[in-house]
C-alpha cells in the first residue's frame, strides 16, 4: 500500500498509508491532514490542495496538464517549481513514499 508524507508548516509530519489508486489530496482529506482542503473534490478547479513536492521526488512526477498549470496560477501561497495540485498526483507504485510540504494557506 502506498504511503505519502505531509510536512506541515509548523514542522510536524504526518505519514498516511492508503489503498491505491488514490490522489494525494484524497489521502489527505480522508485522513484529516490539516491544510489540505480539496474544496472541488479533486477536479483541478480550486487549487485548495496545493502542495510543494520535495526536491528528491520531483523526477518521479507525471507531466502537468494544462488545467493544473492554470489553477496553480491562482494559488494563495506562492507558486514555485515544486508546486503541484494534490488531486492530480495519483499514489501508485511510481509515487509510493512521496513527500510533500503543505503551504501555510490554501484559502
PDB file of N, CA and C in Angstrom:
ATOM      1  N   UNK A   1       0.838  -1.173   0.000  1.00  0.00           N
ATOM      2  CA  UNK A   1       0.000   0.000   0.000  1.00  0.00           C
ATOM      3  C   UNK A   1       0.888   1.242   0.000  1.00  0.00           C
ATOM      4  N   UNK A   2       0.578   2.203  -0.857  1.00  0.00           N
ATOM      5  CA  UNK A   2       1.438   3.385  -0.960  1.00  0.00           C
ATOM      6  C   UNK A   2       1.343   4.308   0.251  1.00  0.00           C
ATOM      7  N   UNK A   3       2.434   5.020   0.474  1.00  0.00           N
ATOM      8  CA  UNK A   3       2.496   5.997   1.556  1.00  0.00           C
ATOM      9  C   UNK A   3       2.799   7.378   0.988  1.00  0.00           C
ATOM     10  N   UNK A   4       2.316   8.387   1.688  1.00  0.00           N
ATOM     11  CA  UNK A   4       2.640   9.778   1.396  1.00  0.00           C
ATOM     12  C   UNK A   4       2.885  10.467   2.730  1.00  0.00           C
ATOM     13  N   UNK A   5       3.913  11.302   2.770  1.00  0.00           N
ATOM     14  CA  UNK A   5       4.207  12.055   3.987  1.00  0.00           C
ATOM     15  C   UNK A   5       3.934  13.524   3.727  1.00  0.00           C
ATOM     16  N   UNK A   6       3.121  14.099   4.603  1.00  0.00           N
ATOM     17  CA  UNK A   6       2.765  15.512   4.543  1.00  0.00           C
ATOM     18  C   UNK A   6       3.554  16.245   5.616  1.00  0.00           C
ATOM     19  N   UNK A   7       4.258  17.300   5.219  1.00  0.00           N
ATOM     20  CA  UNK A   7       5.020  18.121   6.153  1.00  0.00           C
ATOM     21  C   UNK A   7       4.267  19.425   6.354  1.00  0.00           C
ATOM     22  N   UNK A   8       3.832  19.643   7.581  1.00  0.00           N
ATOM     23  CA  UNK A   8       3.065  20.845   7.939  1.00  0.00           C
ATOM     24  C   UNK A   8       3.998  22.054   8.051  1.00  0.00           C
ATOM     25  N   UNK A   9       3.450  23.257   7.882  1.00  0.00           N
ATOM     26  CA  UNK A   9       4.276  24.469   8.013  1.00  0.00           C
ATOM     27  C   UNK A   9       4.969  24.606   9.366  1.00  0.00           C
ATOM     28  N   UNK A  10       4.389  24.006  10.426  1.00  0.00           N
ATOM     29  CA  UNK A  10       4.996  24.100  11.756  1.00  0.00           C
ATOM     30  C   UNK A  10       6.098  23.069  11.993  1.00  0.00           C
ATOM     31  N   UNK A  11       6.385  22.237  10.980  1.00  0.00           N
ATOM     32  CA  UNK A  11       7.458  21.263  11.083  1.00  0.00           C
ATOM     33  C   UNK A  11       7.002  19.852  11.418  1.00  0.00           C
ATOM     34  N   UNK A  12       5.755  19.670  11.809  1.00  0.00           N
ATOM     35  CA  UNK A  12       5.277  18.319  12.086  1.00  0.00           C
ATOM     36  C   UNK A  12       5.037  17.567  10.776  1.00  0.00           C
ATOM     37  N   UNK A  13       5.124  16.262  10.852  1.00  0.00           N
ATOM     38  CA  UNK A  13       4.921  15.419   9.677  1.00  0.00           C
ATOM     39  C   UNK A  13       3.854  14.376   9.967  1.00  0.00           C
ATOM     40  N   UNK A  14       3.083  14.059   8.940  1.00  0.00           N
ATOM     41  CA  UNK A  14       2.040  13.035   9.041  1.00  0.00           C
ATOM     42  C   UNK A  14       2.233  12.093   7.858  1.00  0.00           C
ATOM     43  N   UNK A  15       2.429  10.818   8.126  1.00  0.00           N
ATOM     44  CA  UNK A  15       2.549   9.823   7.070  1.00  0.00           C
ATOM     45  C   UNK A  15       1.249   9.033   7.005  1.00  0.00           C
ATOM     46  N   UNK A  16       0.718   8.933   5.795  1.00  0.00           N
ATOM     47  CA  UNK A  16      -0.538   8.240   5.558  1.00  0.00           C
ATOM     48  C   UNK A  16      -0.270   7.052   4.646  1.00  0.00           C
ATOM     49  N   UNK A  17      -0.781   5.902   5.029  1.00  0.00           N
ATOM     50  CA  UNK A  17      -0.758   4.713   4.184  1.00  0.00           C
ATOM     51  C   UNK A  17      -2.164   4.529   3.649  1.00  0.00           C
ATOM     52  N   UNK A  18      -2.278   4.301   2.350  1.00  0.00           N
ATOM     53  CA  UNK A  18      -3.593   4.244   1.730  1.00  0.00           C
ATOM     54  C   UNK A  18      -3.670   3.147   0.683  1.00  0.00           C
ATOM     55  N   UNK A  19      -4.875   2.885   0.236  1.00  0.00           N
ATOM     56  CA  UNK A  19      -5.057   1.936  -0.862  1.00  0.00           C
ATOM     57  C   UNK A  19      -4.792   2.667  -2.159  1.00  0.00           C
ATOM     58  N   UNK A  20      -4.513   1.936  -3.209  1.00  0.00           N
ATOM     59  CA  UNK A  20      -4.293   2.580  -4.498  1.00  0.00           C
ATOM     60  C   UNK A  20      -5.421   2.254  -5.424  1.00  0.00           C
ATOM     61  N   UNK A  21      -5.669   2.969  -6.448  1.00  0.00           N
ATOM     62  CA  UNK A  21      -5.100   4.301  -6.698  1.00  0.00           C
ATOM     63  C   UNK A  21      -5.938   5.377  -6.009  1.00  0.00           C
ATOM     64  N   UNK A  22      -5.272   6.323  -5.440  1.00  0.00           N
ATOM     65  CA  UNK A  22      -5.928   7.456  -4.782  1.00  0.00           C
ATOM     66  C   UNK A  22      -5.001   8.657  -4.917  1.00  0.00           C
ATOM     67  N   UNK A  23      -5.574   9.832  -4.967  1.00  0.00           N
ATOM     68  CA  UNK A  23      -4.753  11.039  -5.111  1.00  0.00           C
ATOM     69  C   UNK A  23      -4.161  11.452  -3.762  1.00  0.00           C
ATOM     70  N   UNK A  24      -3.110  12.247  -3.832  1.00  0.00           N
ATOM     71  CA  UNK A  24      -2.505  12.817  -2.635  1.00  0.00           C
ATOM     72  C   UNK A  24      -3.561  13.628  -1.877  1.00  0.00           C
ATOM     73  N   UNK A  25      -4.389  14.387  -2.600  1.00  0.00           N
ATOM     74  CA  UNK A  25      -5.454  15.180  -1.966  1.00  0.00           C
ATOM     75  C   UNK A  25      -6.435  14.284  -1.239  1.00  0.00           C
ATOM     76  N   UNK A  26      -6.899  13.230  -1.886  1.00  0.00           N
ATOM     77  CA  UNK A  26      -7.884  12.336  -1.274  1.00  0.00           C
ATOM     78  C   UNK A  26      -7.298  11.657  -0.033  1.00  0.00           C
ATOM     79  N   UNK A  27      -6.043  11.248  -0.111  1.00  0.00           N
ATOM     80  CA  UNK A  27      -5.386  10.633   1.049  1.00  0.00           C
ATOM     81  C   UNK A  27      -5.348  11.603   2.222  1.00  0.00           C
ATOM     82  N   UNK A  28      -5.096  12.878   1.940  1.00  0.00           N
ATOM     83  CA  UNK A  28      -5.050  13.884   2.999  1.00  0.00           C
ATOM     84  C   UNK A  28      -6.429  14.136   3.601  1.00  0.00           C
ATOM     85  N   UNK A  29      -7.412  14.342   2.755  1.00  0.00           N
ATOM     86  CA  UNK A  29      -8.758  14.678   3.225  1.00  0.00           C
ATOM     87  C   UNK A  29      -9.360  13.525   4.028  1.00  0.00           C
ATOM     88  N   UNK A  30      -9.238  12.300   3.536  1.00  0.00           N
ATOM     89  CA  UNK A  30      -9.842  11.173   4.246  1.00  0.00           C
ATOM     90  C   UNK A  30      -9.104  10.821   5.537  1.00  0.00           C
ATOM     91  N   UNK A  31      -7.897  11.352   5.696  1.00  0.00           N
ATOM     92  CA  UNK A  31      -7.132  11.108   6.920  1.00  0.00           C
ATOM     93  C   UNK A  31      -6.999  12.362   7.777  1.00  0.00           C
ATOM     94  N   UNK A  32      -7.819  13.361   7.489  1.00  0.00           N
ATOM     95  CA  UNK A  32      -7.879  14.600   8.286  1.00  0.00           C
ATOM     96  C   UNK A  32      -6.536  15.305   8.433  1.00  0.00           C
ATOM     97  N   UNK A  33      -5.773  15.340   7.349  1.00  0.00           N
ATOM     98  CA  UNK A  33      -4.498  16.057   7.365  1.00  0.00           C
ATOM     99  C   UNK A  33      -4.808  17.554   7.288  1.00  0.00           C
ATOM    100  N   UNK A  34      -4.382  18.330   8.279  1.00  0.00           N
ATOM    101  CA  UNK A  34      -4.655  19.766   8.261  1.00  0.00           C
ATOM    102  C   UNK A  34      -3.959  20.457   7.088  1.00  0.00           C
ATOM    103  N   UNK A  35      -4.639  21.441   6.511  1.00  0.00           N
ATOM    104  CA  UNK A  35      -4.032  22.256   5.471  1.00  0.00           C
ATOM    105  C   UNK A  35      -4.357  21.848   4.052  1.00  0.00           C
ATOM    106  N   UNK A  36      -4.994  20.710   3.852  1.00  0.00           N
ATOM    107  CA  UNK A  36      -5.438  20.286   2.524  1.00  0.00           C
ATOM    108  C   UNK A  36      -6.958  20.321   2.537  1.00  0.00           C
ATOM    109  N   UNK A  37      -7.538  21.220   1.746  1.00  0.00           N
ATOM    110  CA  UNK A  37      -8.981  21.424   1.765  1.00  0.00           C
ATOM    111  C   UNK A  37      -9.679  20.547   0.730  1.00  0.00           C
ATOM    112  N   UNK A  38      -9.215  20.565  -0.505  1.00  0.00           N
ATOM    113  CA  UNK A  38      -9.839  19.768  -1.555  1.00  0.00           C
ATOM    114  C   UNK A  38     -11.272  20.189  -1.821  1.00  0.00           C
ATOM    115  N   UNK A  39     -11.496  21.474  -1.850  1.00  0.00           N
ATOM    116  CA  UNK A  39     -12.846  22.030  -1.966  1.00  0.00           C
ATOM    117  C   UNK A  39     -13.630  21.534  -3.184  1.00  0.00           C
ATOM    118  N   UNK A  40     -12.977  21.331  -4.317  1.00  0.00           N
ATOM    119  CA  UNK A  40     -13.687  20.927  -5.547  1.00  0.00           C
ATOM    120  C   UNK A  40     -13.783  19.411  -5.680  1.00  0.00           C
ATOM    121  N   UNK A  41     -13.267  18.676  -4.716  1.00  0.00           N
ATOM    122  CA  UNK A  41     -13.375  17.228  -4.755  1.00  0.00           C
ATOM    123  C   UNK A  41     -12.394  16.531  -5.674  1.00  0.00           C
ATOM    124  N   UNK A  42     -11.420  17.242  -6.178  1.00  0.00           N
ATOM    125  CA  UNK A  42     -10.392  16.607  -6.998  1.00  0.00           C
ATOM    126  C   UNK A  42     -10.534  16.843  -8.484  1.00  0.00           C
ATOM    127  N   UNK A  43     -11.209  17.910  -8.865  1.00  0.00           N
ATOM    128  CA  UNK A  43     -11.442  18.201 -10.279  1.00  0.00           C
ATOM    129  C   UNK A  43     -10.508  19.260 -10.860  1.00  0.00           C
ATOM    130  N   UNK A  44      -9.450  19.598 -10.155  1.00  0.00           N
ATOM    131  CA  UNK A  44      -8.488  20.616 -10.597  1.00  0.00           C
ATOM    132  C   UNK A  44      -9.186  21.935 -10.903  1.00  0.00           C
ATOM    133  N   UNK A  45     -10.100  22.334 -10.005  1.00  0.00           N
ATOM    134  CA  UNK A  45     -10.873  23.550 -10.231  1.00  0.00           C
ATOM    135  C   UNK A  45     -10.776  24.562  -9.095  1.00  0.00           C
ATOM    136  N   UNK A  46      -9.978  24.278  -8.048  1.00  0.00           N
ATOM    137  CA  UNK A  46      -9.982  25.217  -6.930  1.00  0.00           C
ATOM    138  C   UNK A  46      -8.598  25.510  -6.349  1.00  0.00           C
ATOM    139  N   UNK A  47      -7.650  24.663  -6.540  1.00  0.00           N
ATOM    140  CA  UNK A  47      -6.275  24.827  -6.042  1.00  0.00           C
ATOM    141  C   UNK A  47      -6.172  24.821  -4.517  1.00  0.00           C
ATOM    142  N   UNK A  48      -7.154  24.241  -3.820  1.00  0.00           N
ATOM    143  CA  UNK A  48      -7.079  24.156  -2.359  1.00  0.00           C
ATOM    144  C   UNK A  48      -6.396  22.869  -1.883  1.00  0.00           C
ATOM    145  N   UNK A  49      -5.720  22.214  -2.805  1.00  0.00           N
ATOM    146  CA  UNK A  49      -4.912  21.039  -2.453  1.00  0.00           C
ATOM    147  C   UNK A  49      -3.470  21.253  -2.937  1.00  0.00           C
ATOM    148  N   UNK A  50      -3.096  22.517  -3.047  1.00  0.00           N
ATOM    149  CA  UNK A  50      -1.749  22.908  -3.476  1.00  0.00           C
ATOM    150  C   UNK A  50      -0.725  22.324  -2.502  1.00  0.00           C
ATOM    151  N   UNK A  51       0.293  21.680  -3.046  1.00  0.00           N
ATOM    152  CA  UNK A  51       1.399  21.156  -2.244  1.00  0.00           C
ATOM    153  C   UNK A  51       2.713  21.493  -2.936  1.00  0.00           C
ATOM    154  N   UNK A  52       3.771  21.454  -2.158  1.00  0.00           N
ATOM    155  CA  UNK A  52       5.123  21.587  -2.685  1.00  0.00           C
ATOM    156  C   UNK A  52       5.777  20.210  -2.585  1.00  0.00           C
ATOM    157  N   UNK A  53       6.056  19.605  -3.718  1.00  0.00           N
ATOM    158  CA  UNK A  53       6.683  18.287  -3.739  1.00  0.00           C
ATOM    159  C   UNK A  53       8.155  18.455  -3.376  1.00  0.00           C
ATOM    160  N   UNK A  54       8.641  17.595  -2.511  1.00  0.00           N
ATOM    161  CA  UNK A  54      10.042  17.657  -2.102  1.00  0.00           C
ATOM    162  C   UNK A  54      10.946  17.422  -3.304  1.00  0.00           C
ATOM    163  N   UNK A  55      12.070  18.112  -3.333  1.00  0.00           N
ATOM    164  CA  UNK A  55      13.028  18.062  -4.451  1.00  0.00           C
ATOM    165  C   UNK A  55      13.362  16.633  -4.868  1.00  0.00           C
ATOM    166  N   UNK A  56      13.584  15.772  -3.910  1.00  0.00           N
ATOM    167  CA  UNK A  56      14.001  14.399  -4.202  1.00  0.00           C
ATOM    168  C   UNK A  56      12.955  13.620  -5.008  1.00  0.00           C
ATOM    169  N   UNK A  57      11.693  14.052  -4.946  1.00  0.00           N
ATOM    170  CA  UNK A  57      10.613  13.348  -5.624  1.00  0.00           C
ATOM    171  C   UNK A  57      10.193  13.978  -6.947  1.00  0.00           C
ATOM    172  N   UNK A  58      10.736  15.115  -7.301  1.00  0.00           N
ATOM    173  CA  UNK A  58      10.281  15.826  -8.499  1.00  0.00           C
ATOM    174  C   UNK A  58      10.417  15.014  -9.781  1.00  0.00           C
ATOM    175  N   UNK A  59      11.480  14.245  -9.906  1.00  0.00           N
ATOM    176  CA  UNK A  59      11.684  13.497 -11.147  1.00  0.00           C
ATOM    177  C   UNK A  59      10.745  12.297 -11.288  1.00  0.00           C
ATOM    178  N   UNK A  60      10.011  11.964 -10.248  1.00  0.00           N
ATOM    179  CA  UNK A  60       9.046  10.857 -10.308  1.00  0.00           C
ATOM    180  C   UNK A  60       7.649  11.309 -10.732  1.00  0.00           C
ATOM    181  N   UNK A  61       7.438  12.611 -10.817  1.00  0.00           N
ATOM    182  CA  UNK A  61       6.100  13.138 -11.089  1.00  0.00           C
ATOM    183  C   UNK A  61       5.677  12.955 -12.541  1.00  0.00           C
ATOM    184  N   UNK A  62       4.377  12.748 -12.747  1.00  0.00           N
ATOM    185  CA  UNK A  62       3.863  12.753 -14.121  1.00  0.00           C
ATOM    186  C   UNK A  62       3.865  14.187 -14.641  1.00  0.00           C
ATOM    187  N   UNK A  63       3.771  14.342 -15.934  1.00  0.00           N
ATOM    188  CA  UNK A  63       3.706  15.679 -16.511  1.00  0.00           C
ATOM    189  C   UNK A  63       2.478  16.432 -16.037  1.00  0.00           C
ATOM    190  N   UNK A  64       2.562  17.754 -16.107  1.00  0.00           N
ATOM    191  CA  UNK A  64       1.465  18.607 -15.673  1.00  0.00           C
ATOM    192  C   UNK A  64       0.546  18.922 -16.849  1.00  0.00           C
ATOM    193  N   UNK A  65      -0.740  18.713 -16.639  1.00  0.00           N
ATOM    194  CA  UNK A  65      -1.736  19.043 -17.652  1.00  0.00           C
ATOM    195  C   UNK A  65      -2.031  20.542 -17.622  1.00  0.00           C
ATOM    196  N   UNK A  66      -2.603  21.061 -18.681  1.00  0.00           N
ATOM    197  CA  UNK A  66      -2.903  22.485 -18.803  1.00  0.00           C
ATOM    198  C   UNK A  66      -3.833  22.982 -17.694  1.00  0.00           C
ATOM    199  N   UNK A  67      -4.847  22.199 -17.337  1.00  0.00           N
ATOM    200  CA  UNK A  67      -5.790  22.614 -16.284  1.00  0.00           C
ATOM    201  C   UNK A  67      -5.070  22.837 -14.960  1.00  0.00           C
ATOM    202  N   UNK A  68      -4.195  21.915 -14.609  1.00  0.00           N
ATOM    203  CA  UNK A  68      -3.450  22.048 -13.358  1.00  0.00           C
ATOM    204  C   UNK A  68      -2.543  23.271 -13.398  1.00  0.00           C
ATOM    205  N   UNK A  69      -1.853  23.462 -14.510  1.00  0.00           N
ATOM    206  CA  UNK A  69      -0.964  24.606 -14.664  1.00  0.00           C
ATOM    207  C   UNK A  69      -1.721  25.919 -14.480  1.00  0.00           C
ATOM    208  N   UNK A  70      -2.897  26.018 -15.072  1.00  0.00           N
ATOM    209  CA  UNK A  70      -3.724  27.231 -14.946  1.00  0.00           C
ATOM    210  C   UNK A  70      -4.177  27.446 -13.509  1.00  0.00           C
ATOM    211  N   UNK A  71      -4.606  26.386 -12.833  1.00  0.00           N
ATOM    212  CA  UNK A  71      -5.071  26.527 -11.451  1.00  0.00           C
ATOM    213  C   UNK A  71      -3.946  26.951 -10.515  1.00  0.00           C
ATOM    214  N   UNK A  72      -2.741  26.493 -10.770  1.00  0.00           N
ATOM    215  CA  UNK A  72      -1.614  26.860  -9.920  1.00  0.00           C
ATOM    216  C   UNK A  72      -1.270  28.342 -10.022  1.00  0.00           C
ATOM    217  N   UNK A  73      -1.739  29.004 -11.070  1.00  0.00           N
ATOM    218  CA  UNK A  73      -1.519  30.447 -11.185  1.00  0.00           C
ATOM    219  C   UNK A  73      -2.346  31.223 -10.166  1.00  0.00           C
ATOM    220  N   UNK A  74      -3.384  30.594  -9.619  1.00  0.00           N
ATOM    221  CA  UNK A  74      -4.270  31.283  -8.691  1.00  0.00           C
ATOM    222  C   UNK A  74      -4.173  30.829  -7.252  1.00  0.00           C
ATOM    223  N   UNK A  75      -3.087  30.184  -6.883  1.00  0.00           N
ATOM    224  CA  UNK A  75      -2.964  29.711  -5.502  1.00  0.00           C
ATOM    225  C   UNK A  75      -2.726  30.869  -4.545  1.00  0.00           C
ATOM    226  N   UNK A  76      -3.168  30.681  -3.313  1.00  0.00           N
ATOM    227  CA  UNK A  76      -2.969  31.701  -2.282  1.00  0.00           C
ATOM    228  C   UNK A  76      -1.485  31.775  -1.918  1.00  0.00           C
ATOM    229  N   UNK A  77      -0.886  30.606  -1.687  1.00  0.00           N
ATOM    230  CA  UNK A  77       0.547  30.555  -1.374  1.00  0.00           C
ATOM    231  C   UNK A  77       1.337  30.662  -2.678  1.00  0.00           C
ATOM    232  N   UNK A  78       2.532  31.168  -2.580  1.00  0.00           N
ATOM    233  CA  UNK A  78       3.377  31.366  -3.757  1.00  0.00           C
ATOM    234  C   UNK A  78       3.569  30.074  -4.550  1.00  0.00           C
ATOM    235  N   UNK A  79       3.442  30.185  -5.849  1.00  0.00           N
ATOM    236  CA  UNK A  79       3.733  29.061  -6.734  1.00  0.00           C
ATOM    237  C   UNK A  79       5.246  28.997  -6.946  1.00  0.00           C
ATOM    238  N   UNK A  80       5.776  27.783  -6.869  1.00  0.00           N
ATOM    239  CA  UNK A  80       7.204  27.580  -7.103  1.00  0.00           C
ATOM    240  C   UNK A  80       7.361  26.438  -8.111  1.00  0.00           C
ATOM    241  N   UNK A  81       8.576  26.084  -8.414  1.00  0.00           N
ATOM    242  CA  UNK A  81       8.851  24.966  -9.297  1.00  0.00           C
ATOM    243  C   UNK A  81       8.491  23.623  -8.684  1.00  0.00           C
ATOM    244  N   UNK A  82       8.193  23.612  -7.395  1.00  0.00           N
ATOM    245  CA  UNK A  82       7.787  22.382  -6.710  1.00  0.00           C
ATOM    246  C   UNK A  82       6.274  22.302  -6.528  1.00  0.00           C
ATOM    247  N   UNK A  83       5.537  23.304  -6.994  1.00  0.00           N
ATOM    248  CA  UNK A  83       4.088  23.356  -6.803  1.00  0.00           C
ATOM    249  C   UNK A  83       3.353  22.358  -7.681  1.00  0.00           C
ATOM    250  N   UNK A  84       2.420  21.647  -7.066  1.00  0.00           N
ATOM    251  CA  UNK A  84       1.511  20.751  -7.779  1.00  0.00           C
ATOM    252  C   UNK A  84       0.181  20.740  -7.045  1.00  0.00           C
ATOM    253  N   UNK A  85      -0.857  20.312  -7.743  1.00  0.00           N
ATOM    254  CA  UNK A  85      -2.144  20.086  -7.101  1.00  0.00           C
ATOM    255  C   UNK A  85      -2.176  18.636  -6.638  1.00  0.00           C
ATOM    256  N   UNK A  86      -2.464  18.441  -5.359  1.00  0.00           N
ATOM    257  CA  UNK A  86      -2.502  17.096  -4.812  1.00  0.00           C
ATOM    258  C   UNK A  86      -3.527  16.199  -5.485  1.00  0.00           C
ATOM    259  N   UNK A  87      -4.589  16.795  -6.017  1.00  0.00           N
ATOM    260  CA  UNK A  87      -5.622  15.999  -6.675  1.00  0.00           C
ATOM    261  C   UNK A  87      -5.147  15.407  -7.997  1.00  0.00           C
ATOM    262  N   UNK A  88      -4.064  15.917  -8.528  1.00  0.00           N
ATOM    263  CA  UNK A  88      -3.544  15.436  -9.799  1.00  0.00           C
ATOM    264  C   UNK A  88      -2.382  14.460  -9.640  1.00  0.00           C
ATOM    265  N   UNK A  89      -2.018  14.184  -8.408  1.00  0.00           N
ATOM    266  CA  UNK A  89      -0.925  13.256  -8.124  1.00  0.00           C
ATOM    267  C   UNK A  89      -1.511  11.964  -7.572  1.00  0.00           C
ATOM    268  N   UNK A  90      -1.524  10.936  -8.389  1.00  0.00           N
ATOM    269  CA  UNK A  90      -2.120   9.660  -8.011  1.00  0.00           C
ATOM    270  C   UNK A  90      -1.069   8.767  -7.366  1.00  0.00           C
ATOM    271  N   UNK A  91      -1.382   8.299  -6.156  1.00  0.00           N
ATOM    272  CA  UNK A  91      -0.472   7.424  -5.429  1.00  0.00           C
ATOM    273  C   UNK A  91      -0.530   6.023  -6.019  1.00  0.00           C
ATOM    274  N   UNK A  92       0.541   5.654  -6.651  1.00  0.00           N
ATOM    275  CA  UNK A  92       0.697   4.329  -7.229  1.00  0.00           C
ATOM    276  C   UNK A  92       2.127   3.893  -6.929  1.00  0.00           C
ATOM    277  N   UNK A  93       2.564   2.819  -7.551  1.00  0.00           N
ATOM    278  CA  UNK A  93       3.924   2.341  -7.280  1.00  0.00           C
ATOM    279  C   UNK A  93       4.976   3.405  -7.575  1.00  0.00           C
ATOM    280  N   UNK A  94       4.747   4.208  -8.604  1.00  0.00           N
ATOM    281  CA  UNK A  94       5.716   5.235  -9.002  1.00  0.00           C
ATOM    282  C   UNK A  94       5.842   6.338  -7.957  1.00  0.00           C
ATOM    283  N   UNK A  95       4.741   6.683  -7.297  1.00  0.00           N
ATOM    284  CA  UNK A  95       4.769   7.780  -6.326  1.00  0.00           C
ATOM    285  C   UNK A  95       4.737   7.306  -4.873  1.00  0.00           C
ATOM    286  N   UNK A  96       4.850   6.004  -4.659  1.00  0.00           N
ATOM    287  CA  UNK A  96       4.869   5.482  -3.296  1.00  0.00           C
ATOM    288  C   UNK A  96       6.010   6.122  -2.513  1.00  0.00           C
ATOM    289  N   UNK A  97       5.700   6.646  -1.338  1.00  0.00           N
ATOM    290  CA  UNK A  97       6.704   7.256  -0.485  1.00  0.00           C
ATOM    291  C   UNK A  97       6.944   8.729  -0.751  1.00  0.00           C
ATOM    292  N   UNK A  98       6.157   9.349  -1.633  1.00  0.00           N
ATOM    293  CA  UNK A  98       6.324  10.765  -1.954  1.00  0.00           C
ATOM    294  C   UNK A  98       6.167  11.623  -0.693  1.00  0.00           C
ATOM    295  N   UNK A  99       6.907  12.719  -0.646  1.00  0.00           N
ATOM    296  CA  UNK A  99       6.817  13.658   0.465  1.00  0.00           C
ATOM    297  C   UNK A  99       6.469  15.033  -0.077  1.00  0.00           C
ATOM    298  N   UNK A 100       5.516  15.677   0.583  1.00  0.00           N
ATOM    299  CA  UNK A 100       5.068  16.997   0.156  1.00  0.00           C
ATOM    300  C   UNK A 100       5.009  17.953   1.339  1.00  0.00           C
ATOM    301  N   UNK A 101       5.263  19.209   1.060  1.00  0.00           N
ATOM    302  CA  UNK A 101       5.127  20.271   2.060  1.00  0.00           C
ATOM    303  C   UNK A 101       3.794  20.960   1.818  1.00  0.00           C
ATOM    304  N   UNK A 102       3.066  21.218   2.898  1.00  0.00           N
ATOM    305  CA  UNK A 102       1.788  21.884   2.815  1.00  0.00           C
ATOM    306  C   UNK A 102       2.007  23.385   2.994  1.00  0.00           C
ATOM    307  N   UNK A 103       1.460  24.201   2.084  1.00  0.00           N
ATOM    308  CA  UNK A 103       1.606  25.658   2.227  1.00  0.00           C
ATOM    309  C   UNK A 103       0.919  26.153   3.506  1.00  0.00           C
ATOM    310  N   UNK A 104       1.319  27.312   3.967  1.00  0.00           N
ATOM    311  CA  UNK A 104       0.740  27.896   5.173  1.00  0.00           C
ATOM    312  C   UNK A 104      -0.723  28.276   4.983  1.00  0.00           C
ATOM    313  N   UNK A 105      -1.158  28.520   3.737  1.00  0.00           N
ATOM    314  CA  UNK A 105      -2.559  28.900   3.482  1.00  0.00           C
ATOM    315  C   UNK A 105      -3.026  28.302   2.157  1.00  0.00           C
ATOM    316  N   UNK A 106      -4.307  27.943   2.125  1.00  0.00           N
ATOM    317  CA  UNK A 106      -4.929  27.426   0.908  1.00  0.00           C
ATOM    318  C   UNK A 106      -6.063  28.343   0.448  1.00  0.00           C
ATOM    319  N   UNK A 107      -6.692  29.019   1.357  1.00  0.00           N
ATOM    320  CA  UNK A 107      -7.850  29.868   1.050  1.00  0.00           C
ATOM    321  C   UNK A 107      -7.550  31.321   1.343  1.00  0.00           C
TER     322      UNK A 107
END
